[in-house]
Amino acid sequence: MAFTTRNTFGKDTLGVLGVRGYFRPGTTLTAAAVATDTTITVSDPSLFTDTDTIIVGSGADQESVTISAISGSDLTVGALSNNQAQGALVRLAGWVDMGILADWEPQDETEELEIQGARSGLTETYETLAISASLAYGFTSNNPNDEEILALWNGGAMTADPGATGASAPLTFDSTSGELLFVRQNAQSSKPSQILYHPSSSIRRDGQAGTPGEEESGLTFTSTVTALEGFTIPAAIDAAGPAARYGFLYKVPTSGLDTAIATISDGV
C-alpha cells in the first residue's frame, strides 16, 4: 500500500504572528437570582469595586449591571432583567491584554490506572485508563509596567500611596480567577487562525524573566484551567456538541477573527 497522509503540511501551519493572551477576572454566583433582584451573591467579591460595571450570566440571559455597594459577598447592583442560575458567570467587562506571549507552554498532566494480571505467571498490563487530568499554561508577558498585568502578577491591584506620587500594594502570592483566552493569529489573511478559550481558570505569579527592573524583564505566570459545569459553546459558533466545561478550540478564517473573538467575549 502506498504511503499517504491525511493532511498537507503547508502554509496553513506557518506564518503565525505568535500567541496573544487575554485574561478577564471573574467569579460565579453562589446563589440564584431572579429578575428585578438588586443584590447578587458571588464567590469572590474582592475582584470588584463599588463602581464597576459587570457582566452577569451568559448566552441569552447575559446582562450588564453596575455595582453601587459591596457588603461581604453581596453586591448591590442595578435591577436584573433576567433570572440567573447559581454558578452563572460574573465578570468584569474588559479583558486584560497580556500581549504576544513569550515561552507559552501548555502543561498537560494525566494520571492513569493500569489494569494488570499474572495469568501466565508474568505480570501483564491489560488496559490503561485515564482517571484524572489537569491542564495549565506557563507564559511570560513582556509588559512589566502595565497596571492591570502587574496586578494579576502581584495578586492584588495597586492603590495610591498618599505619602508620595506613585502606587503601592502588598506583595502576595494569591491567584485570580477568571476567563482565559489565547489567540494564534496567522500572518496570512487567507489562512485560518485559532482561538483557545477557557471559561474558568486561575492565574498567579511564577517568577520573572530576565533581570528584574529592566524594561525587557517580563512577568511570568502560571494559569490553571478548571471545569465550569453547565458551560456551553456560544450558539453563533458551529459545534458538534455545545457542552464544553473546560472550554473549546476554535479554528476561524483570519478575516473573521475579530468577529469570532467578540462572539466568544459576549458569550452569545
Protein backbone atom coordinates (compact mmCIF):
# COMPACT_ATOMS: atom_id res chain seq x y z
CA MET A 1 0.00 0.00 0.00
CA ALA A 2 1.38 3.42 -0.98
CA PHE A 3 2.35 5.86 1.74
CA THR A 4 -0.33 8.54 2.17
CA THR A 5 -1.03 11.32 4.63
CA ARG A 6 -4.30 12.70 5.85
CA ASN A 7 -3.09 16.29 5.85
CA THR A 8 -0.78 18.55 3.85
CA PHE A 9 1.97 20.23 5.84
CA GLY A 10 2.00 23.56 4.08
CA LYS A 11 1.49 27.24 4.71
CA ASP A 12 -1.60 26.62 6.82
CA THR A 13 0.75 25.87 9.69
CA LEU A 14 3.25 28.65 9.04
CA GLY A 15 3.35 32.43 9.23
CA VAL A 16 1.77 32.66 12.68
CA LEU A 17 2.32 36.02 14.39
CA GLY A 18 2.53 34.44 17.84
CA VAL A 19 0.17 33.59 20.68
CA ARG A 20 -1.57 36.59 22.25
CA GLY A 21 -3.06 36.12 25.70
CA TYR A 22 -6.07 37.71 27.37
CA PHE A 23 -7.49 37.28 30.86
CA ARG A 24 -10.79 38.57 32.24
CA PRO A 25 -11.16 38.44 36.05
CA GLY A 26 -14.43 36.88 37.12
CA THR A 27 -16.27 34.66 39.54
CA THR A 28 -19.64 32.92 39.85
CA LEU A 29 -22.96 33.37 41.64
CA THR A 30 -23.19 31.31 44.81
CA ALA A 31 -26.97 31.66 44.87
CA ALA A 32 -29.57 32.00 42.15
CA ALA A 33 -31.06 35.43 41.43
CA VAL A 34 -34.28 36.40 39.74
CA ALA A 35 -35.28 39.29 37.51
CA THR A 36 -35.73 42.58 39.47
CA ASP A 37 -33.25 41.49 42.19
CA THR A 38 -30.83 44.25 43.17
CA THR A 39 -28.48 42.05 45.23
CA ILE A 40 -26.36 39.17 43.97
CA THR A 41 -24.02 36.92 45.96
CA VAL A 42 -20.67 35.92 44.46
CA SER A 43 -17.86 33.60 45.50
CA ASP A 44 -15.08 36.20 45.16
CA PRO A 45 -16.19 39.82 45.72
CA SER A 46 -12.56 41.04 46.01
CA LEU A 47 -12.37 41.22 42.21
CA PHE A 48 -14.72 44.20 42.10
CA THR A 49 -15.07 47.79 43.28
CA ASP A 50 -18.32 49.59 44.02
CA THR A 51 -18.25 51.47 40.72
CA ASP A 52 -17.56 48.58 38.34
CA THR A 53 -19.87 47.63 35.52
CA ILE A 54 -20.04 43.84 35.44
CA ILE A 55 -21.45 41.17 33.13
CA VAL A 56 -23.76 38.63 34.74
CA GLY A 57 -24.72 35.35 33.08
CA SER A 58 -24.03 34.16 29.56
CA GLY A 59 -25.89 33.38 26.37
CA ALA A 60 -29.40 34.79 26.02
CA ASP A 61 -29.55 35.66 29.74
CA GLN A 62 -26.37 37.76 29.74
CA GLU A 63 -26.74 41.32 31.02
CA SER A 64 -24.66 44.24 32.29
CA VAL A 65 -25.24 45.94 35.64
CA THR A 66 -23.32 48.46 37.72
CA ILE A 67 -22.24 47.84 41.30
CA SER A 68 -23.21 50.54 43.81
CA ALA A 69 -22.14 48.83 47.05
CA ILE A 70 -20.30 45.75 48.32
CA SER A 71 -21.00 44.08 51.67
CA GLY A 72 -19.23 40.81 52.31
CA SER A 73 -20.05 38.56 49.37
CA ASP A 74 -23.13 40.57 48.39
CA LEU A 75 -23.04 43.07 45.53
CA THR A 76 -25.72 45.73 45.28
CA VAL A 77 -26.42 46.27 41.59
CA GLY A 78 -28.98 47.73 39.24
CA ALA A 79 -32.11 45.62 38.92
CA LEU A 80 -31.55 42.39 36.97
CA SER A 81 -33.53 41.89 33.77
CA ASN A 82 -33.19 38.09 33.69
CA ASN A 83 -33.20 35.13 36.02
CA GLN A 84 -29.66 33.99 36.78
CA ALA A 85 -28.82 30.48 37.96
CA GLN A 86 -26.44 29.55 40.74
CA GLY A 87 -22.98 29.17 39.19
CA ALA A 88 -23.61 31.79 36.50
CA LEU A 89 -20.54 33.75 35.42
CA VAL A 90 -19.97 37.21 36.90
CA ARG A 91 -17.06 39.12 35.39
CA LEU A 92 -15.62 42.49 34.53
CA ALA A 93 -16.49 43.91 31.13
CA GLY A 94 -12.92 44.31 29.86
CA TRP A 95 -10.13 41.82 29.23
CA VAL A 96 -6.52 42.25 30.35
CA ASP A 97 -4.38 42.14 27.19
CA MET A 98 -1.20 40.25 28.07
CA GLY A 99 0.36 40.96 24.67
CA ILE A 100 2.29 38.49 22.50
CA LEU A 101 3.40 35.87 24.99
CA ALA A 102 6.92 34.55 25.40
CA ASP A 103 7.63 30.97 26.48
CA TRP A 104 3.98 29.92 26.02
CA GLU A 105 3.75 26.27 27.04
CA PRO A 106 0.70 24.07 27.73
CA GLN A 107 1.31 21.73 30.67
CA ASP A 108 -0.99 18.70 30.44
CA GLU A 109 -0.87 16.12 33.22
CA THR A 110 -2.79 12.82 33.19
CA GLU A 111 -2.98 10.25 35.98
CA GLU A 112 -3.51 6.71 34.74
CA LEU A 113 -4.68 3.45 36.27
CA GLU A 114 -3.18 0.23 34.92
CA ILE A 115 -5.24 -2.97 34.96
CA GLN A 116 -2.72 -5.75 35.46
CA GLY A 117 -2.77 -9.52 35.86
CA ALA A 118 -0.43 -12.50 36.01
CA ARG A 119 -2.43 -15.23 34.29
CA SER A 120 0.62 -16.66 32.52
CA GLY A 121 2.94 -16.27 35.51
CA LEU A 122 4.21 -12.91 34.29
CA THR A 123 2.62 -9.59 35.19
CA GLU A 124 0.99 -8.05 32.16
CA THR A 125 -0.85 -4.78 31.67
CA TYR A 126 -4.21 -5.40 30.01
CA GLU A 127 -5.62 -1.89 29.97
CA THR A 128 -4.60 1.65 30.89
CA LEU A 129 -7.33 4.06 31.97
CA ALA A 130 -7.08 7.82 32.44
CA ILE A 131 -8.59 8.59 35.86
CA SER A 132 -7.73 12.28 36.23
CA ALA A 133 -6.28 15.06 34.12
CA SER A 134 -5.26 18.68 34.56
CA LEU A 135 -4.35 21.48 32.18
CA ALA A 136 -2.22 24.51 32.89
CA TYR A 137 -0.19 27.03 30.92
CA GLY A 138 3.08 28.76 31.61
CA PHE A 139 3.91 32.03 29.82
CA THR A 140 5.62 35.38 30.13
CA SER A 141 4.06 38.78 29.46
CA ASN A 142 6.67 41.28 28.29
CA ASN A 143 4.99 44.38 29.72
CA PRO A 144 6.01 44.53 33.39
CA ASN A 145 4.81 48.11 33.94
CA ASP A 146 1.20 47.72 32.83
CA GLU A 147 -1.02 48.21 35.91
CA GLU A 148 -3.55 45.52 35.02
CA ILE A 149 -0.89 42.90 34.21
CA LEU A 150 1.11 43.81 37.30
CA ALA A 151 -2.00 43.41 39.48
CA LEU A 152 -2.53 39.86 38.19
CA TRP A 153 1.12 39.03 38.83
CA ASN A 154 1.13 40.66 42.27
CA GLY A 155 -2.16 39.09 43.31
CA GLY A 156 -3.80 42.45 44.04
CA ALA A 157 -4.29 45.84 42.45
CA MET A 158 -2.05 48.81 43.20
CA THR A 159 -3.52 51.55 45.39
CA ALA A 160 -2.42 55.16 45.53
CA ASP A 161 0.27 55.98 48.10
CA PRO A 162 -0.96 59.08 49.98
CA GLY A 163 2.56 59.96 51.11
CA ALA A 164 4.16 60.25 47.68
CA THR A 165 3.41 60.08 44.00
CA GLY A 166 3.06 56.59 42.58
CA ALA A 167 1.27 53.50 43.83
CA SER A 168 1.89 50.58 46.15
CA ALA A 169 0.48 47.17 47.03
CA PRO A 170 1.40 44.41 49.49
CA LEU A 171 3.26 41.56 47.86
CA THR A 172 1.04 38.47 47.72
CA PHE A 173 1.01 35.07 46.09
CA ASP A 174 -2.75 34.97 45.60
CA SER A 175 -4.26 33.72 42.37
CA THR A 176 -7.02 35.48 40.45
CA SER A 177 -9.95 33.60 38.95
CA GLY A 178 -11.45 34.36 35.56
CA GLU A 179 -11.63 33.55 31.85
CA LEU A 180 -8.59 32.73 29.74
CA LEU A 181 -8.30 33.40 26.02
CA PHE A 182 -5.40 32.65 23.66
CA VAL A 183 -5.37 33.87 20.06
CA ARG A 184 -2.97 32.43 17.50
CA GLN A 185 -3.29 34.79 14.54
CA ASN A 186 -1.97 33.80 11.13
CA ALA A 187 0.11 36.44 9.35
CA GLN A 188 -1.57 35.44 6.09
CA SER A 189 -5.14 36.73 5.99
CA SER A 190 -6.15 33.95 3.60
CA LYS A 191 -5.14 31.27 6.12
CA PRO A 192 -7.02 30.25 9.30
CA SER A 193 -6.28 31.41 12.83
CA GLN A 194 -7.05 29.69 16.12
CA ILE A 195 -8.73 30.73 19.35
CA LEU A 196 -8.41 28.74 22.58
CA TYR A 197 -10.94 29.71 25.24
CA HIS A 198 -11.34 28.52 28.84
CA PRO A 199 -14.36 29.84 30.78
CA SER A 200 -12.85 29.05 34.19
CA SER A 201 -9.23 29.32 35.25
CA SER A 202 -6.91 30.89 37.79
CA ILE A 203 -3.75 32.90 37.19
CA ARG A 204 -0.83 33.62 39.51
CA ARG A 205 2.78 34.77 39.53
CA ASP A 206 5.52 32.29 38.67
CA GLY A 207 8.70 34.35 38.80
CA GLN A 208 10.17 36.93 36.49
CA ALA A 209 12.07 36.55 33.25
CA GLY A 210 15.31 38.40 32.59
CA THR A 211 16.77 40.85 35.09
CA PRO A 212 14.24 42.49 37.45
CA GLY A 213 14.00 46.24 36.93
CA GLU A 214 14.84 46.14 33.24
CA GLU A 215 12.15 47.11 30.73
CA GLU A 216 12.52 43.81 28.86
CA SER A 217 12.18 41.79 32.07
CA GLY A 218 8.78 40.15 31.62
CA LEU A 219 6.38 38.81 34.24
CA THR A 220 5.96 35.03 34.26
CA PHE A 221 2.59 33.42 35.01
CA THR A 222 1.02 30.03 35.57
CA SER A 223 -2.64 29.62 34.70
CA THR A 224 -4.59 26.53 35.73
CA VAL A 225 -7.78 25.54 33.91
CA THR A 226 -10.76 24.32 35.92
CA ALA A 227 -14.13 22.92 34.88
CA LEU A 228 -17.21 25.11 34.66
CA GLU A 229 -20.17 22.76 34.78
CA GLY A 230 -23.01 23.78 32.50
CA PHE A 231 -20.92 25.97 30.20
CA THR A 232 -21.90 25.74 26.54
CA ILE A 233 -20.25 27.00 23.37
CA PRO A 234 -21.95 30.20 22.12
CA ALA A 235 -24.82 29.48 19.72
CA ALA A 236 -23.23 31.59 16.97
CA ILE A 237 -20.31 29.11 16.76
CA ASP A 238 -20.80 25.83 14.93
CA ALA A 239 -20.20 22.92 17.31
CA ALA A 240 -20.99 19.21 17.16
CA GLY A 241 -21.95 19.37 20.84
CA PRO A 242 -22.44 22.59 22.83
CA ALA A 243 -21.27 21.31 26.23
CA ALA A 244 -17.66 22.37 26.90
CA ARG A 245 -16.95 22.61 30.63
CA TYR A 246 -13.21 23.12 30.07
CA GLY A 247 -13.65 25.43 27.07
CA PHE A 248 -13.02 24.87 23.38
CA LEU A 249 -10.64 25.33 20.45
CA TYR A 250 -11.99 27.40 17.55
CA LYS A 251 -10.42 27.46 14.08
CA VAL A 252 -11.65 30.51 12.20
CA PRO A 253 -10.81 32.38 8.97
CA THR A 254 -8.36 35.14 9.85
CA SER A 255 -10.56 37.66 8.05
CA GLY A 256 -13.27 36.92 10.63
CA LEU A 257 -11.00 36.74 13.69
CA ASP A 258 -12.19 39.98 15.33
CA THR A 259 -15.83 38.94 14.99
CA ALA A 260 -15.06 35.50 16.44
CA ILE A 261 -13.26 36.99 19.44
CA ALA A 262 -16.19 39.33 20.08
CA THR A 263 -18.63 36.41 19.89
CA ILE A 264 -16.67 34.44 22.48
CA SER A 265 -16.30 37.51 24.70
CA ASP A 266 -20.05 38.20 24.56
CA GLY A 267 -20.84 34.53 25.12
CA VAL A 268 -23.89 34.56 22.85
